[in-house]
Protein backbone atom coordinates (compact mmCIF):
# COMPACT_ATOMS: atom_id res chain seq x y z
CA MET A 1 -16.99 -18.69 -8.83
CA ALA A 2 -15.89 -16.33 -11.63
CA GLU A 3 -14.41 -13.54 -9.49
CA LEU A 4 -13.26 -11.60 -12.56
CA LYS A 5 -16.27 -12.11 -14.80
CA ASN A 6 -16.30 -9.62 -17.70
CA LYS A 7 -13.19 -7.81 -16.43
CA ARG A 8 -10.87 -6.73 -19.24
CA ILE A 9 -7.18 -7.11 -18.44
CA LEU A 10 -4.36 -5.95 -20.70
CA MET A 11 -1.26 -7.92 -19.78
CA ILE A 12 2.11 -6.47 -20.69
CA ILE A 13 4.73 -9.22 -20.77
CA GLY A 14 8.26 -8.00 -20.09
CA GLY A 15 11.57 -9.49 -21.13
CA GLY A 16 12.73 -11.84 -18.40
CA ILE A 17 12.92 -15.56 -17.80
CA ALA A 18 9.81 -15.20 -15.62
CA ALA A 19 7.83 -14.39 -18.78
CA TYR A 20 6.93 -18.06 -19.03
CA LYS A 21 4.81 -17.67 -15.88
CA ALA A 22 2.65 -15.14 -17.73
CA LEU A 23 1.24 -18.01 -19.78
CA GLU A 24 -0.08 -19.78 -16.70
CA LEU A 25 -1.32 -16.47 -15.29
CA ILE A 26 -3.38 -15.87 -18.42
CA ARG A 27 -5.06 -19.23 -17.92
CA ARG A 28 -5.76 -18.54 -14.23
CA LEU A 29 -7.26 -15.13 -14.99
CA LYS A 30 -9.47 -16.54 -17.72
CA ASP A 31 -10.58 -19.32 -15.36
CA GLN A 32 -11.95 -16.50 -13.18
CA GLY A 33 -13.92 -15.04 -16.06
CA ALA A 34 -11.52 -12.32 -17.22
CA ARG A 35 -10.96 -11.33 -20.83
CA VAL A 36 -7.21 -11.04 -21.38
CA ARG A 37 -5.37 -9.21 -24.14
CA ALA A 38 -1.58 -9.10 -24.27
CA ILE A 39 1.25 -6.88 -25.38
CA LEU A 40 4.41 -8.95 -25.82
CA THR A 41 7.56 -6.84 -25.61
CA GLY A 42 10.59 -7.58 -27.76
CA GLY A 43 12.36 -8.92 -24.71
CA GLY A 44 9.39 -11.04 -23.74
CA ALA A 45 9.34 -12.57 -27.20
CA GLN A 46 12.83 -13.91 -26.53
CA PHE A 47 11.36 -16.22 -23.90
CA ILE A 48 7.82 -17.05 -25.10
CA THR A 49 6.20 -16.89 -28.52
CA PRO A 50 3.30 -14.76 -29.74
CA LEU A 51 1.57 -17.98 -30.80
CA SER A 52 1.66 -19.32 -27.23
CA VAL A 53 0.18 -16.10 -25.88
CA ALA A 54 -2.49 -15.91 -28.58
CA SER A 55 -3.47 -19.54 -28.02
CA LEU A 56 -4.17 -18.87 -24.34
CA THR A 57 -5.79 -15.44 -24.62
CA GLY A 58 -7.83 -16.28 -27.71
CA GLU A 59 -6.96 -12.75 -28.83
CA LYS A 60 -4.49 -11.15 -31.20
CA VAL A 61 -1.13 -10.39 -29.58
CA PHE A 62 0.20 -6.85 -29.97
CA SER A 63 3.89 -6.00 -30.13
CA ASP A 64 4.74 -3.32 -32.71
CA LEU A 65 4.14 0.37 -32.00
CA PHE A 66 4.53 1.22 -35.67
CA SER A 67 2.42 -1.59 -37.12
CA LEU A 68 0.23 -0.01 -39.77
CA THR A 69 -2.39 -2.74 -39.39
CA ASP A 70 -2.51 -2.70 -35.60
CA GLU A 71 -2.58 1.09 -35.34
CA THR A 72 -5.37 1.26 -37.90
CA GLU A 73 -7.46 -1.51 -36.36
CA MET A 74 -6.83 -0.86 -32.67
CA GLY A 75 -4.21 1.78 -31.92
CA HIS A 76 -2.28 2.05 -28.69
CA ILE A 77 -4.67 4.68 -27.34
CA ARG A 78 -7.71 2.46 -27.67
CA LEU A 79 -5.71 -0.51 -26.45
CA SER A 80 -4.79 1.39 -23.28
CA ARG A 81 -8.32 2.66 -22.67
CA GLU A 82 -10.38 -0.46 -23.37
CA ALA A 83 -8.96 -2.37 -20.40
CA ASP A 84 -10.17 -2.28 -16.82
CA LEU A 85 -6.63 -2.99 -15.60
CA LEU A 86 -3.14 -2.98 -17.10
CA LEU A 87 -1.04 -5.78 -15.60
CA VAL A 88 2.74 -5.77 -16.16
CA VAL A 89 4.17 -9.29 -15.67
CA PRO A 90 7.09 -9.58 -15.35
CA ALA A 91 7.93 -5.94 -14.75
CA THR A 92 11.65 -5.74 -15.54
CA ALA A 93 13.96 -3.06 -14.19
CA ASN A 94 13.92 -1.50 -17.66
CA LEU A 95 10.13 -1.38 -17.86
CA LEU A 96 9.85 0.04 -14.35
CA ALA A 97 12.36 2.77 -15.23
CA LYS A 98 10.42 3.70 -18.36
CA MET A 99 7.16 3.82 -16.42
CA ALA A 100 8.66 5.97 -13.66
CA HIS A 101 10.18 8.49 -16.07
CA GLY A 102 7.46 8.64 -18.71
CA ILE A 103 9.56 7.12 -21.49
CA ALA A 104 7.50 5.89 -24.45
CA ASP A 105 9.75 4.20 -27.01
CA ASP A 106 7.84 0.98 -27.73
CA LEU A 107 4.26 -0.25 -27.69
CA ALA A 108 4.34 -1.37 -24.04
CA SER A 109 5.74 1.86 -22.59
CA THR A 110 3.63 4.05 -24.89
CA THR A 111 0.47 2.21 -23.87
CA LEU A 112 1.35 2.55 -20.19
CA LEU A 113 1.90 6.28 -20.61
CA ALA A 114 -1.31 6.73 -22.58
CA THR A 115 -3.61 4.85 -20.24
CA ASN A 116 -6.09 6.41 -17.83
CA LYS A 117 -6.81 3.04 -16.18
CA PRO A 118 -5.30 1.39 -13.06
CA VAL A 119 -1.88 -0.20 -13.48
CA MET A 120 -0.50 -3.14 -11.49
CA ALA A 121 3.08 -4.37 -11.83
CA ALA A 122 4.84 -7.52 -10.60
CA PRO A 123 8.60 -6.89 -10.68
CA ALA A 124 11.08 -9.72 -11.32
CA MET A 125 14.84 -9.33 -11.70
CA ASN A 126 18.24 -10.16 -10.25
CA VAL A 127 18.57 -9.51 -6.52
CA GLU A 128 21.21 -6.80 -7.03
CA MET A 129 19.13 -5.06 -9.69
CA TRP A 130 16.14 -5.00 -7.33
CA ALA A 131 18.21 -3.61 -4.46
CA LYS A 132 19.81 -0.81 -6.49
CA PRO A 133 18.92 2.72 -5.29
CA SER A 134 17.77 3.61 -8.80
CA THR A 135 15.24 0.76 -8.82
CA MET A 136 14.03 1.67 -5.34
CA ARG A 137 13.59 5.30 -6.43
CA ASN A 138 11.58 4.14 -9.43
CA ILE A 139 9.38 1.95 -7.22
CA ARG A 140 8.73 4.84 -4.84
CA GLN A 141 7.85 7.13 -7.74
CA LEU A 142 5.49 4.57 -9.27
CA ARG A 143 3.72 4.06 -5.96
CA GLN A 144 3.30 7.81 -5.62
CA ASP A 145 1.88 7.81 -9.15
CA GLY A 146 -0.72 5.24 -8.09
CA VAL A 147 0.83 2.12 -9.65
CA MET A 148 0.09 -0.99 -7.57
CA ILE A 149 3.33 -2.89 -6.96
CA ILE A 150 3.28 -6.60 -6.10
CA GLU A 151 6.47 -7.16 -4.12
CA PRO A 152 8.85 -9.76 -5.61
CA ALA A 153 9.39 -12.97 -3.68
CA GLU A 154 12.58 -14.21 -2.03
CA GLY A 155 14.33 -17.39 -3.09
CA GLU A 156 16.63 -18.91 -5.68
CA LEU A 157 16.73 -16.87 -8.88
CA ALA A 158 17.19 -18.10 -12.43
CA CYS A 159 20.74 -16.71 -12.44
CA GLY A 160 21.63 -18.97 -9.54
CA GLU A 161 21.79 -16.25 -6.90
CA VAL A 162 19.51 -16.21 -3.86
CA GLY A 163 17.53 -13.23 -2.61
CA VAL A 164 14.59 -10.96 -3.36
CA GLY A 165 13.69 -10.72 -7.02
CA ARG A 166 11.61 -13.78 -7.95
CA LEU A 167 8.30 -13.20 -9.65
CA PRO A 168 5.56 -14.00 -7.11
CA GLU A 169 3.67 -17.22 -7.68
CA VAL A 170 0.91 -17.07 -10.27
CA ASP A 171 -1.83 -17.54 -7.67
CA VAL A 172 -0.45 -14.64 -5.62
CA ILE A 173 -0.63 -12.31 -8.61
CA ARG A 174 -4.12 -13.55 -9.49
CA ASP A 175 -5.28 -12.90 -5.93
CA HIS A 176 -3.92 -9.34 -6.07
CA VAL A 177 -5.96 -8.78 -9.22
CA ILE A 178 -9.08 -10.20 -7.56
CA ARG A 179 -8.58 -8.00 -4.47
CA HIS A 180 -8.17 -4.96 -6.70
CA PHE A 181 -11.50 -5.52 -8.40
CA LYS A 182 -13.24 -6.36 -5.14
CA GLY A 183 -12.09 -3.00 -3.88
CA HIS A 184 -13.45 -1.27 -6.95
CA LYS A 185 -16.84 -2.87 -6.38
CA GLY A 186 -17.13 -0.41 -3.52
CA ARG A 187 -17.60 -2.94 -0.72
CA LEU A 188 -17.34 -0.05 1.75
CA HIS A 189 -19.38 2.42 -0.27
CA GLY A 190 -21.56 4.53 1.99
CA LEU A 191 -19.34 3.99 5.03
CA ARG A 192 -17.01 6.53 6.63
CA ALA A 193 -13.49 5.59 7.70
CA LEU A 194 -10.98 7.41 9.89
CA VAL A 195 -7.24 6.77 9.71
CA THR A 196 -4.64 8.49 11.87
CA ALA A 197 -1.07 8.37 10.58
CA GLY A 198 2.44 9.65 11.07
CA PRO A 199 4.22 11.04 14.10
CA THR A 200 3.27 13.98 16.27
CA HIS A 201 5.62 16.84 17.09
CA GLU A 202 5.51 18.19 20.63
CA PRO A 203 7.14 21.67 20.78
CA ILE A 204 9.79 22.45 23.39
CA ASP A 205 10.39 26.00 22.16
CA PRO A 206 9.85 27.75 18.79
CA VAL A 207 12.78 25.77 17.31
CA ARG A 208 12.87 22.34 18.96
CA TYR A 209 10.34 19.56 19.36
CA ILE A 210 10.00 15.96 20.54
CA ALA A 211 9.09 13.43 17.84
CA ASN A 212 9.55 9.82 16.79
CA ARG A 213 10.69 7.93 13.69
CA SER A 214 7.26 7.11 12.25
CA SER A 215 7.07 7.79 8.51
CA GLY A 216 3.28 7.50 8.21
CA LYS A 217 3.62 5.04 5.30
CA GLN A 218 1.43 2.32 6.80
CA GLY A 219 -1.36 4.71 7.74
CA TYR A 220 -1.32 6.39 4.34
CA ALA A 221 -1.49 2.98 2.65
CA ILE A 222 -4.48 2.05 4.82
CA ALA A 223 -6.25 5.31 3.96
CA GLY A 224 -5.63 4.68 0.26
CA ALA A 225 -7.00 1.15 0.55
CA PHE A 226 -10.17 2.42 2.27
CA ALA A 227 -10.72 4.89 -0.58
CA ARG A 228 -10.22 2.14 -3.17
CA PHE A 229 -12.86 0.06 -1.38
CA GLY A 230 -15.31 2.94 -1.72
CA ALA A 231 -15.27 4.38 1.80
CA GLU A 232 -15.43 8.10 2.49
CA THR A 233 -12.00 8.36 4.08
CA VAL A 234 -10.66 10.95 6.51
CA LEU A 235 -6.90 10.87 7.09
CA VAL A 236 -5.67 12.84 10.10
CA SER A 237 -1.94 13.09 9.61
CA GLY A 238 0.99 14.26 11.66
CA PRO A 239 3.94 15.86 9.84
CA THR A 240 5.10 13.74 6.86
CA HIS A 241 6.43 14.23 3.34
CA LEU A 242 3.96 11.74 1.84
CA GLU A 243 1.46 12.53 -0.89
CA THR A 244 -2.23 12.27 -0.07
CA PRO A 245 -3.73 9.01 -1.44
CA GLN A 246 -6.26 9.48 -4.19
CA GLY A 247 -9.82 9.98 -2.95
CA VAL A 248 -8.77 10.72 0.65
CA ASP A 249 -9.69 13.83 2.67
CA ARG A 250 -6.50 14.75 4.54
CA ILE A 251 -6.31 16.90 7.67
CA ASP A 252 -2.80 18.01 8.71
CA VAL A 253 -1.94 18.41 12.38
CA GLU A 254 1.25 18.74 14.37
CA THR A 255 0.68 17.84 18.01
CA ALA A 256 -1.19 15.04 19.75
CA ARG A 257 -3.79 17.50 21.06
CA GLU A 258 -4.39 18.84 17.56
CA MET A 259 -4.83 15.28 16.30
CA TRP A 260 -7.30 14.53 19.11
CA ARG A 261 -9.33 17.65 18.29
CA ALA A 262 -9.40 16.83 14.55
CA VAL A 263 -10.56 13.27 15.25
CA GLN A 264 -13.32 14.44 17.61
CA LYS A 265 -14.44 17.28 15.33
CA ASN A 266 -15.00 14.95 12.38
CA LEU A 267 -17.07 12.29 14.16
CA PRO A 268 -18.92 10.04 13.43
CA TYR A 269 -17.11 7.21 11.65
CA ASP A 270 -18.11 3.64 10.87
CA VAL A 271 -14.57 2.37 11.35
CA ALA A 272 -11.45 3.94 12.84
CA VAL A 273 -7.86 2.77 12.39
CA CYS A 274 -5.47 4.61 14.71
CA SER A 275 -2.05 3.90 13.23
CA ALA A 276 -0.40 7.21 14.17
CA ALA A 277 2.58 7.10 16.51
CA VAL A 278 1.14 9.64 18.93
CA SER A 279 3.34 11.08 21.66
CA ASP A 280 2.04 10.04 25.07
CA TRP A 281 3.37 13.23 26.66
CA GLY A 282 3.88 16.86 25.70
CA ILE A 283 5.90 19.65 27.31
CA ASP A 284 3.92 21.26 30.11
CA GLN A 285 5.30 24.75 29.59
CA GLN A 286 6.54 25.47 26.06
CA ALA A 287 9.21 28.19 26.06
CA GLY A 288 8.23 31.35 24.21
CA GLN A 289 11.80 31.88 22.98
CA LYS A 290 14.60 29.55 21.96
CA ILE A 291 16.16 28.01 25.06
CA LYS A 292 19.80 29.05 25.20
CA LYS A 293 22.57 26.71 26.20
CA GLU A 294 24.26 27.97 29.36
CA SER A 295 27.50 26.49 30.54
CA GLY A 296 27.02 24.06 33.38
CA ALA A 297 23.24 24.44 33.48
CA ASP A 298 20.98 21.43 32.84
CA GLN A 299 17.47 21.93 31.56
CA VAL A 300 14.62 20.35 33.50
CA MET A 301 11.37 19.83 31.61
CA THR A 302 7.99 18.89 33.00
CA PHE A 303 5.77 16.67 30.87
CA LYS A 304 1.99 16.45 30.82
CA GLN A 305 -0.03 13.53 29.51
CA ASN A 306 -1.62 13.95 26.10
CA PRO A 307 -5.22 12.91 25.34
CA ASP A 308 -5.71 9.24 24.47
CA ILE A 309 -7.18 9.31 20.96
CA LEU A 310 -7.77 5.57 20.68
CA ALA A 311 -9.33 5.08 24.13
CA ASP A 312 -11.54 8.15 23.76
CA LEU A 313 -12.87 6.87 20.44
CA ALA A 314 -13.57 3.45 21.95
CA LEU A 315 -15.49 4.99 24.87
CA SER A 316 -17.31 7.67 22.86
CA ASN A 317 -21.12 7.71 22.79
CA ARG A 318 -20.60 7.99 19.03
CA ARG A 319 -18.25 5.02 18.97
CA PRO A 320 -17.38 3.63 15.51
CA ARG A 321 -18.66 0.14 14.78
CA LEU A 322 -15.07 -1.06 14.60
CA VAL A 323 -12.17 0.56 16.48
CA ILE A 324 -8.67 -0.63 15.59
CA GLY A 325 -5.41 0.42 17.21
CA PHE A 326 -1.75 -0.23 16.52
CA ALA A 327 0.76 -1.50 19.05
CA ALA A 328 4.31 -0.63 18.04
CA GLU A 329 6.48 -2.55 20.50
CA THR A 330 10.16 -3.27 21.03
CA GLU A 331 9.70 -6.15 23.50
CA ASN A 332 7.03 -8.66 24.61
CA LEU A 333 5.13 -7.90 21.42
CA LEU A 334 2.06 -10.09 21.80
CA GLU A 335 1.75 -9.76 25.57
CA ASN A 336 1.85 -5.95 25.41
CA ALA A 337 -0.51 -5.83 22.43
CA ARG A 338 -3.12 -8.04 24.11
CA GLU A 339 -2.99 -5.88 27.22
CA LYS A 340 -3.33 -2.72 25.14
CA ARG A 341 -6.43 -4.00 23.34
CA LEU A 342 -8.18 -4.58 26.64
CA ARG A 343 -6.93 -1.40 28.30
CA LYS A 344 -8.00 0.81 25.37
CA ASN A 345 -11.36 -0.99 24.90
CA CYS A 346 -10.74 -1.33 21.17
CA ASP A 347 -11.89 -4.20 18.96
CA TRP A 348 -8.66 -5.09 17.19
CA ILE A 349 -4.98 -4.36 17.73
CA ILE A 350 -2.42 -4.55 14.93
CA ALA A 351 0.88 -5.39 16.62
CA ASN A 352 4.29 -4.95 15.08
CA ASP A 353 7.86 -5.12 16.34
CA VAL A 354 9.51 -1.77 15.63
CA SER A 355 12.91 -2.57 17.11
CA ALA A 356 15.71 -0.88 15.16
CA ALA A 357 16.84 -4.20 13.69
CA THR A 358 13.47 -4.81 11.98
CA GLY A 359 13.61 -1.67 9.81
CA ILE A 360 9.82 -1.42 10.02
CA MET A 361 9.56 2.11 11.40
CA GLY A 362 10.26 4.28 8.37
CA GLY A 363 10.66 1.29 6.05
CA ASN A 364 8.50 0.01 3.19
CA GLU A 365 7.60 -3.39 4.64
CA ASN A 366 5.78 -4.58 7.73
CA THR A 367 5.21 -7.76 9.70
CA VAL A 368 2.05 -7.65 11.77
CA HIS A 369 -0.06 -9.71 14.16
CA VAL A 370 -3.80 -9.04 14.13
CA ILE A 371 -5.31 -9.51 17.59
CA THR A 372 -9.08 -9.59 17.94
CA GLY A 373 -11.55 -10.85 20.51
CA ASP A 374 -11.88 -14.03 18.44
CA GLY A 375 -8.21 -14.90 18.09
CA GLU A 376 -4.88 -13.91 16.61
CA GLU A 377 -3.37 -14.00 13.13
CA ALA A 378 0.31 -13.74 12.25
CA TRP A 379 0.74 -12.23 8.79
CA PRO A 380 3.93 -12.78 6.80
CA LYS A 381 6.26 -9.92 5.95
CA ALA A 382 4.84 -7.85 3.11
CA SER A 383 4.88 -4.37 1.67
CA LYS A 384 2.90 -1.83 3.65
CA GLU A 385 0.56 -1.45 0.66
CA ASP A 386 -0.19 -5.19 0.72
CA VAL A 387 -0.69 -5.16 4.50
CA ALA A 388 -3.13 -2.26 4.05
CA LEU A 389 -5.14 -4.03 1.35
CA ARG A 390 -5.34 -7.23 3.37
CA LEU A 391 -6.38 -5.32 6.49
CA VAL A 392 -9.10 -3.33 4.73
CA GLU A 393 -10.38 -6.49 3.06
CA LYS A 394 -10.63 -8.10 6.51
CA ILE A 395 -12.41 -5.01 7.82
CA ALA A 396 -14.87 -5.11 4.91
CA GLY A 397 -15.64 -8.77 5.60
CA HIS A 398 -16.20 -8.06 9.30
CA LEU A 399 -18.55 -5.14 8.67
CA GLU A 400 -20.50 -7.15 6.10
CA SER A 401 -20.92 -9.98 8.62
CA ASN A 402 -21.85 -7.60 11.44
CA PRO A 403 -24.17 -4.99 9.91
């Protein structure tokens, strides 16, 4: 089946030893029906030849920003606009830095800056280069700018070192491209999705509050994936510093009760994903003034139970067709998650271990188990964006099979 039939992909081939994999990727994309054009950077041309690229694409290869012929016949503006997707493989540290900072000093970077089309990048570099704070800042900026990042793989690198930095396998990159275009077909068009995300803050007094370490990154990624799949998406968010994903209607709240009211007010939904780390309890009597520290005096606080957003959705007479909760656990992960799914009457539970050693809470990666009434799936560690895309794709398949 030609999954990418008539899709136009502009591949930008960076300067790294992994450039040779771009040749096989071109073939795999064309096998799926895609039309592939290529920009070969100067660095890329040190590893593969323009003739090799042209032979596989069946198209002219572009490389020179100041080519009189190329600029007259095509031009970098048209080149950037006539693609359905720009795919950077391999995305070197240098290319990522240029993309993040808007530098346009060659054909590849100028085309990336000039495009108004989606951009996907597959980084590949030395393990230390990948781990550098500057590279991580650039990755965060690119994600905020809407660039889809395919996380590099872990293993032995061309330099002989071992770690994260390998270009993902060709089939992995191809599958990311296919998932991207499936999302843009609007598989969830006409459906309404709710996502809750982030922590809640439960005030003690006008200055202090009780909170948790949730960053909201996973929930925001899920909301963005729903929007890309065509769903009308409502994101009810606790306090975070994250930018609203494109195409998402965001409602900001602070406390668990405010989140519950926002969720109820905006019913109905076709699917609900409750990923927020909601406080189970709030302070019964919030102090009207800042509580002063008095020598030798301990403070005693009384807690009251907050509304159960997930359970109330599952039991609502306007229940979504699919109700999904998260189980963030520090022990007995699967046992606790299974019990939670039954106790909350939800359809699926996404379980993850948020012990301090995992780095998941507040981090950029996640390792999840998907527990449904039909079975359980253990997903490998991946970026939260990739987990979100895979989850929403699974949701789309379920809703299509259960209209």
